[in-house]
Amino acid sequence: MPFTPSTDTAEIIEKEAIPSLHFPTEDVLTDPLDQQRRRHDAERATALGNNYQGKVDIYFRTSDYITRRVHTSIWASHDNSLTLKAGVSLPLQAVLGFDFY
């Protein structure tokens, strides 16, 4: 079942706070189809950020099981992480989903 973003239940943070967070060692998505959809969405969000300077909301979970949201541009999508604006890195396995505008 794909992740459905909810702005009411996600703590909003600034991208500059991400390096101080701790992330789960296990993937937050257990279904391979959800993981594949996340990979596709990450690449789509990267194209949006690079081609149009567009921003997305990224919903992710930290090791304390809190769902957080950051509004930013994605500059690169790697096998295991996302590079956000200002060079901040976010582990892909912590990402629950994206909200495109």
Protein backbone atom coordinates (compact mmCIF):
# COMPACT_ATOMS: atom_id res chain seq x y z
CA MET A 1 0.00 0.00 0.00
CA PRO A 2 1.62 3.31 -1.04
CA PHE A 3 2.29 6.03 1.48
CA THR A 4 -0.35 8.76 1.59
CA PRO A 5 1.11 12.03 2.86
CA SER A 6 -0.62 13.73 5.75
CA THR A 7 0.53 17.20 6.63
CA ASP A 8 -1.30 16.91 9.96
CA THR A 9 0.79 14.03 11.31
CA ALA A 10 4.24 14.97 10.03
CA GLU A 11 6.58 17.22 11.97
CA ILE A 12 7.90 19.97 9.69
CA ILE A 13 11.64 20.52 9.84
CA GLU A 14 14.22 22.57 7.95
CA LYS A 15 16.67 20.72 5.72
CA GLU A 16 19.56 22.07 7.80
CA ALA A 17 18.33 19.91 10.74
CA ILE A 18 18.59 16.65 8.77
CA PRO A 19 22.31 15.97 9.42
CA SER A 20 21.65 15.85 13.17
CA LEU A 21 18.92 13.18 12.85
CA HIS A 22 19.30 9.42 13.18
CA PHE A 23 17.67 7.08 10.69
CA PRO A 24 16.45 3.47 10.87
CA THR A 25 18.75 0.72 9.65
CA GLU A 26 15.82 -1.11 8.04
CA ASP A 27 13.88 0.24 5.06
CA VAL A 28 10.70 2.03 6.17
CA LEU A 29 8.93 0.52 3.14
CA THR A 30 8.64 -3.26 3.22
CA ASP A 31 6.81 -3.83 -0.07
CA PRO A 32 9.13 -4.06 -3.11
CA LEU A 33 6.52 -2.31 -5.28
CA ASP A 34 6.41 0.62 -2.83
CA GLN A 35 10.21 0.76 -2.90
CA GLN A 36 10.17 0.80 -6.69
CA ARG A 37 7.54 3.58 -6.69
CA ARG A 38 9.70 5.56 -4.23
CA ARG A 39 12.72 5.19 -6.54
CA HIS A 40 10.65 6.43 -9.50
CA ASP A 41 9.29 9.37 -7.49
CA ALA A 42 12.80 10.26 -6.29
CA GLU A 43 14.04 10.43 -9.87
CA ARG A 44 11.00 12.49 -10.87
CA ALA A 45 11.61 14.90 -7.96
CA THR A 46 15.28 15.19 -8.95
CA ALA A 47 14.31 16.15 -12.50
CA LEU A 48 11.83 18.69 -11.12
CA GLY A 49 14.53 20.23 -8.92
CA ASN A 50 17.23 20.32 -11.58
CA ASN A 51 15.16 21.39 -14.57
CA TYR A 52 12.66 23.75 -12.97
CA GLN A 53 14.07 24.56 -9.51
CA GLY A 54 10.89 22.95 -8.21
CA LYS A 55 10.44 21.83 -4.64
CA VAL A 56 8.68 18.84 -3.14
CA ASP A 57 7.68 17.73 0.32
CA ILE A 58 9.65 14.68 1.40
CA TYR A 59 8.09 12.55 4.13
CA PHE A 60 10.56 10.43 6.04
CA ARG A 61 10.87 8.52 9.30
CA THR A 62 13.66 8.78 11.83
CA SER A 63 14.91 6.02 14.14
CA ASP A 64 12.63 7.31 16.92
CA TYR A 65 9.62 6.46 14.67
CA ILE A 66 8.66 10.10 14.12
CA THR A 67 7.42 11.01 10.65
CA ARG A 68 8.91 14.28 9.47
CA ARG A 69 8.45 16.48 6.43
CA VAL A 70 10.87 18.78 4.66
CA HIS A 71 10.06 21.14 1.77
CA THR A 72 13.09 21.36 -0.51
CA SER A 73 14.65 20.72 -3.91
CA ILE A 74 16.35 17.42 -4.65
CA TRP A 75 19.57 17.83 -6.57
CA ALA A 76 20.56 14.19 -6.98
CA SER A 77 19.11 10.74 -6.47
CA HIS A 78 21.66 8.02 -5.67
CA ASP A 79 21.26 4.30 -5.02
CA ASN A 80 20.99 4.77 -1.27
CA SER A 81 20.42 8.48 -0.67
CA LEU A 82 19.08 11.79 -1.89
CA THR A 83 21.18 14.94 -2.11
CA LEU A 84 19.10 17.96 -1.23
CA LYS A 85 19.73 21.63 -1.79
CA ALA A 86 22.81 22.84 0.16
CA GLY A 87 24.40 19.36 -0.06
CA VAL A 88 22.31 17.77 2.70
CA SER A 89 22.02 13.99 2.38
CA LEU A 90 18.93 11.94 3.26
CA PRO A 91 18.95 8.11 3.26
CA LEU A 92 16.49 6.80 0.68
CA GLN A 93 15.48 3.90 2.92
CA ALA A 94 14.07 6.45 5.43
CA VAL A 95 11.81 8.09 2.83
CA LEU A 96 8.12 7.24 3.04
CA GLY A 97 6.99 9.30 0.07
CA PHE A 98 6.84 12.61 -1.77
CA ASP A 99 4.27 15.29 -2.29
CA PHE A 100 4.57 17.05 -5.66
CA TYR A 101 3.17 20.52 -6.36
